[in-house]
Amino acid sequence: MFVSFSGGGRRPDSILIPILYMVFGIPLILYPGMTGRLFCLALSIGAFVYAFAQLLRYFRAKRRGWTYTSDKLLGILFLVIGLFCLFGWRIILSFLPVMLGILLLIDALARLPMTIDAFQLGLPGRVPVLVSTLLPLILGIIMLMDPFGVTSMLIRFFGIGLIADGACALVAALYARRDSHSDDPWNGSRYR
């Protein structure tokens, strides 16, 4: 089954991965709140599993007479992290827009001297430079003003990005697959 998705087994350009991107992008667009909570639940489960493994290792070592306090501390720390991810999912999801908002503001401020220079010198590309400075600035301010409201928008945007990336990769893989068959000397198309 997977050989038919990868161009007959000869090429690594698979169409299965782009299709999976598009499939995973759909719930992100339709249910951003649920997928954000599921993400935090997955983080919580991962933290609980790691905490359990560390505490189990600590208690096994303690039974043998050894003491690994780092295992005990890591176990307790990841237990607390798991509980925080489970019950504080809104706070966790608000970190993403805050961090992205700060990065967008830094990017806009870094572009500001270039924008000023473009207008002072009268360069022909000054309007796109201005847009590339103002857009991150405005988005960064919006993200910092309402991080909770922006979270679902970011999750939807990520879903749209996954679908767009998957669609582009799928088209590229199909074209590459078509071109590989047309250049194949064994199909006889070159020698007609």
Protein backbone atom coordinates (compact mmCIF):
# COMPACT_ATOMS: atom_id res chain seq x y z
CA MET A 1 0.00 0.00 0.00
CA PHE A 2 2.74 2.48 0.95
CA VAL A 3 4.69 1.66 -2.22
CA SER A 4 1.85 3.02 -4.34
CA PHE A 5 1.91 6.27 -2.37
CA SER A 6 5.62 6.80 -2.79
CA GLY A 7 5.90 6.67 -6.55
CA GLY A 8 6.41 2.93 -6.94
CA GLY A 9 9.11 2.71 -4.29
CA ARG A 10 11.67 4.53 -6.43
CA ARG A 11 11.19 8.07 -5.11
CA PRO A 12 11.02 9.40 -1.57
CA ASP A 13 8.38 12.00 -2.49
CA SER A 14 5.39 10.52 -0.77
CA ILE A 15 1.85 11.77 -1.14
CA LEU A 16 0.84 10.12 2.13
CA ILE A 17 2.48 12.79 4.31
CA PRO A 18 0.78 15.74 2.56
CA ILE A 19 -2.56 13.96 2.85
CA LEU A 20 -1.95 13.44 6.57
CA TYR A 21 -1.10 17.14 6.93
CA MET A 22 -4.40 18.07 5.37
CA VAL A 23 -6.32 15.55 7.49
CA PHE A 24 -4.72 16.85 10.70
CA GLY A 25 -5.32 20.45 9.64
CA ILE A 26 -9.09 20.05 9.33
CA PRO A 27 -9.83 19.50 13.07
CA LEU A 28 -7.53 22.38 13.94
CA ILE A 29 -9.70 24.68 11.84
CA LEU A 30 -13.06 23.27 12.89
CA TYR A 31 -12.38 22.68 16.59
CA PRO A 32 -9.55 24.97 17.75
CA GLY A 33 -10.60 24.90 21.41
CA MET A 34 -10.81 21.14 21.53
CA THR A 35 -7.48 20.63 19.77
CA GLY A 36 -5.80 23.09 22.13
CA ARG A 37 -7.14 21.15 25.10
CA LEU A 38 -6.09 17.86 23.52
CA PHE A 39 -2.60 19.27 23.03
CA CYS A 40 -2.44 20.19 26.72
CA LEU A 41 -3.85 16.79 27.66
CA ALA A 42 -1.13 15.11 25.61
CA LEU A 43 1.49 17.26 27.38
CA SER A 44 -0.03 16.28 30.70
CA ILE A 45 0.01 12.57 29.89
CA GLY A 46 3.62 12.78 28.74
CA ALA A 47 4.61 14.57 31.95
CA PHE A 48 2.75 11.99 34.07
CA VAL A 49 4.45 9.08 32.28
CA TYR A 50 7.86 10.66 32.77
CA ALA A 51 7.10 11.45 36.42
CA PHE A 52 5.94 7.88 37.02
CA ALA A 53 9.11 6.48 35.42
CA GLN A 54 11.36 8.74 37.51
CA LEU A 55 9.53 7.99 40.77
CA LEU A 56 9.54 4.25 40.01
CA ARG A 57 13.28 4.43 39.37
CA TYR A 58 13.75 6.34 42.63
CA PHE A 59 11.79 3.82 44.71
CA ARG A 60 13.56 0.84 43.10
CA ALA A 61 16.93 2.41 43.87
CA LYS A 62 15.83 3.24 47.41
CA ARG A 63 14.84 -0.40 48.00
CA ARG A 64 18.37 -1.43 47.03
CA GLY A 65 19.86 1.06 49.42
CA TRP A 66 20.82 3.69 46.87
CA THR A 67 19.50 7.19 46.88
CA TYR A 68 18.91 9.11 43.69
CA THR A 69 17.38 12.37 44.85
CA SER A 70 17.50 13.76 41.31
CA ASP A 71 15.06 11.06 40.19
CA LYS A 72 12.74 11.93 43.07
CA LEU A 73 12.92 15.67 42.30
CA LEU A 74 12.39 15.14 38.59
CA GLY A 75 9.44 12.86 39.31
CA ILE A 76 7.80 15.42 41.59
CA LEU A 77 8.58 18.28 39.20
CA PHE A 78 7.03 16.49 36.22
CA LEU A 79 4.05 15.45 38.34
CA VAL A 80 3.44 19.14 39.08
CA ILE A 81 3.97 20.00 35.39
CA GLY A 82 1.47 17.31 34.42
CA LEU A 83 -1.11 18.66 36.87
CA PHE A 84 -0.51 22.19 35.60
CA CYS A 85 -0.97 21.06 31.98
CA LEU A 86 -4.14 19.21 32.94
CA PHE A 87 -5.81 21.98 34.93
CA GLY A 88 -4.07 25.14 33.66
CA TRP A 89 -4.53 24.55 29.94
CA ARG A 90 -5.87 28.07 29.37
CA ILE A 91 -2.68 29.58 30.77
CA ILE A 92 -0.53 27.29 28.65
CA LEU A 93 -2.46 28.16 25.50
CA SER A 94 -2.11 31.85 26.29
CA PHE A 95 1.71 31.57 26.31
CA LEU A 96 1.77 30.85 22.59
CA PRO A 97 0.20 34.15 21.46
CA VAL A 98 2.18 36.14 24.04
CA MET A 99 5.48 34.69 22.86
CA LEU A 100 4.52 35.06 19.21
CA GLY A 101 3.34 38.63 19.84
CA ILE A 102 6.66 39.53 21.45
CA LEU A 103 8.57 37.97 18.54
CA LEU A 104 6.45 39.87 16.00
CA LEU A 105 7.05 43.16 17.83
CA ILE A 106 10.81 42.52 17.91
CA ASP A 107 10.74 41.70 14.19
CA ALA A 108 8.80 44.90 13.40
CA LEU A 109 11.14 47.03 15.49
CA ALA A 110 14.16 45.43 13.81
CA ARG A 111 12.73 46.33 10.39
CA LEU A 112 11.91 49.91 11.36
CA PRO A 113 15.35 51.40 10.47
CA MET A 114 15.23 49.67 7.07
CA THR A 115 11.74 51.09 6.47
CA ILE A 116 12.81 54.61 7.42
CA ASP A 117 15.86 54.33 5.13
CA ALA A 118 13.69 53.07 2.25
CA PHE A 119 11.42 56.12 2.52
CA GLN A 120 14.26 58.60 2.97
CA LEU A 121 16.07 57.24 -0.08
CA GLY A 122 12.85 56.98 -2.13
CA LEU A 123 13.41 53.33 -3.02
CA PRO A 124 10.81 51.77 -5.33
CA GLY A 125 10.11 48.89 -2.92
CA ARG A 126 9.34 51.11 0.06
CA VAL A 127 5.62 50.26 0.22
CA PRO A 128 6.16 46.48 0.57
CA VAL A 129 8.86 47.22 3.16
CA LEU A 130 6.38 49.39 5.07
CA VAL A 131 3.72 46.66 4.94
CA SER A 132 6.24 44.04 6.11
CA THR A 133 6.98 46.29 9.09
CA LEU A 134 3.45 47.39 9.99
CA LEU A 135 1.79 43.97 9.65
CA PRO A 136 3.93 42.23 12.29
CA LEU A 137 3.66 45.31 14.51
CA ILE A 138 -0.15 45.31 14.39
CA LEU A 139 -0.43 41.54 14.81
CA GLY A 140 2.01 41.58 17.72
CA ILE A 141 0.04 44.29 19.52
CA ILE A 142 -3.24 42.41 18.97
CA MET A 143 -1.71 39.20 20.31
CA LEU A 144 -0.41 40.90 23.41
CA MET A 145 -3.70 42.70 24.09
CA ASP A 146 -5.94 39.58 23.91
CA PRO A 147 -3.88 36.38 24.18
CA PHE A 148 -6.86 34.19 25.12
CA GLY A 149 -8.91 35.28 22.13
CA VAL A 150 -6.00 34.93 19.76
CA THR A 151 -5.24 31.35 20.82
CA SER A 152 -8.11 29.81 18.85
CA MET A 153 -7.25 32.01 15.89
CA LEU A 154 -3.64 30.78 15.99
CA ILE A 155 -4.74 27.16 16.18
CA ARG A 156 -7.01 27.72 13.16
CA PHE A 157 -4.18 29.49 11.34
CA PHE A 158 -1.89 26.54 12.07
CA GLY A 159 -4.56 24.22 10.68
CA ILE A 160 -4.86 26.34 7.53
CA GLY A 161 -1.07 26.27 7.24
CA LEU A 162 -1.03 22.48 7.53
CA ILE A 163 -3.70 22.12 4.86
CA ALA A 164 -1.96 24.60 2.52
CA ASP A 165 1.42 22.94 3.07
CA GLY A 166 -0.10 19.52 2.52
CA ALA A 167 -1.88 20.64 -0.66
CA CYS A 168 1.28 22.24 -2.08
CA ALA A 169 3.39 19.20 -1.20
CA LEU A 170 0.75 16.90 -2.70
CA VAL A 171 0.71 18.83 -5.99
CA ALA A 172 4.52 18.87 -6.07
CA ALA A 173 4.67 15.12 -5.37
CA LEU A 174 2.11 14.39 -8.08
CA TYR A 175 4.03 16.51 -10.59
CA ALA A 176 7.30 14.86 -9.58
CA ARG A 177 5.67 11.46 -9.94
CA ARG A 178 4.27 12.37 -13.37
CA ASP A 179 7.64 13.74 -14.49
CA SER A 180 9.48 10.65 -13.25
CA HIS A 181 7.20 8.46 -15.36
CA SER A 182 7.63 10.63 -18.47
CA ASP A 183 11.44 10.57 -18.14
CA ASP A 184 11.51 6.82 -17.57
CA PRO A 185 13.41 5.29 -20.53
CA TRP A 186 11.50 2.03 -20.10
CA ASN A 187 8.07 3.46 -20.85
CA GLY A 188 9.06 4.09 -24.47
CA SER A 189 7.81 7.68 -24.64
CA ARG A 190 11.29 9.06 -25.32
CA TYR A 191 12.04 6.78 -28.20
CA ARG A 192 8.86 7.22 -30.27
